[in-house]
Each structure stands twice: as structure tokens, then as C-alpha cells.
Amino acid sequence: MLQNRISNNFSSKYCKAIQNGFSKDEAMKSAIVKTENIISFSYNPQKKWIEKDDLANQISLQVVNNCGQSFGLIGKEGIAYFKSYFLEIYEKTTPDKNFSR
């Protein structure tokens, strides 16, 4: 499923950036832009069915499970925090683009 590929891709890029010493803002912006570029050139018809809120939930779950402990995000609170943070930075980073549609 495309949504799984997107969230796995984002999570991998974000966690690697954090491990490489990026700040959380730098890691977030970098992962958003790199993932957005991949999606922009995707001809997969599934992308029009992806809801931003669902994708943000899935990305947050992936990031918290994969590397959240390294920067203090654990459990439901960590997932909720990361989702809110992701959506805030996403809107600022790509105001004219959309992971979905």
C-alpha cells in the first residue's frame, strides 16, 4: 500500500537524519521534502485516496517506534506530540504541496 511506503520512507529518512546529528526541525524538513519529492513523481493512483490525518498518524507511530526513544518520545503521548509537530512543520514546509492528492 502506498501509504505504508510513504510512512516507512519518511520514518527512515527522519530517524537517519536524527542519528546523523540534525536538529529535530532540520530532520523534519529534510524528511518532508525528500518524501514529498518521491510522491510528486509517483503515478500511483492510490495517492489520491490518502488522507493527511491518517498519514500523519501512521508516520508518527513509525517514527516513535523506530527512533522516538532517542529523543524522548514514547507511547501515545509521544505519538500525539509528533503528529502535531509533523502537521505544523509540514504546513510551513510545503504550503503548495500535499502528500495526499
Foldseek 3Di string as FASTA:
>chain_A
DVLVVLLVQLLVQLQVCVVVPDDNLVSLLVSLVVSQVVLVPDPDPCLQVDDLLVSLLSNLVSNCVPPVVVPPQDDPVSSVVSSVVNVVSNCVNCVPGDSGD
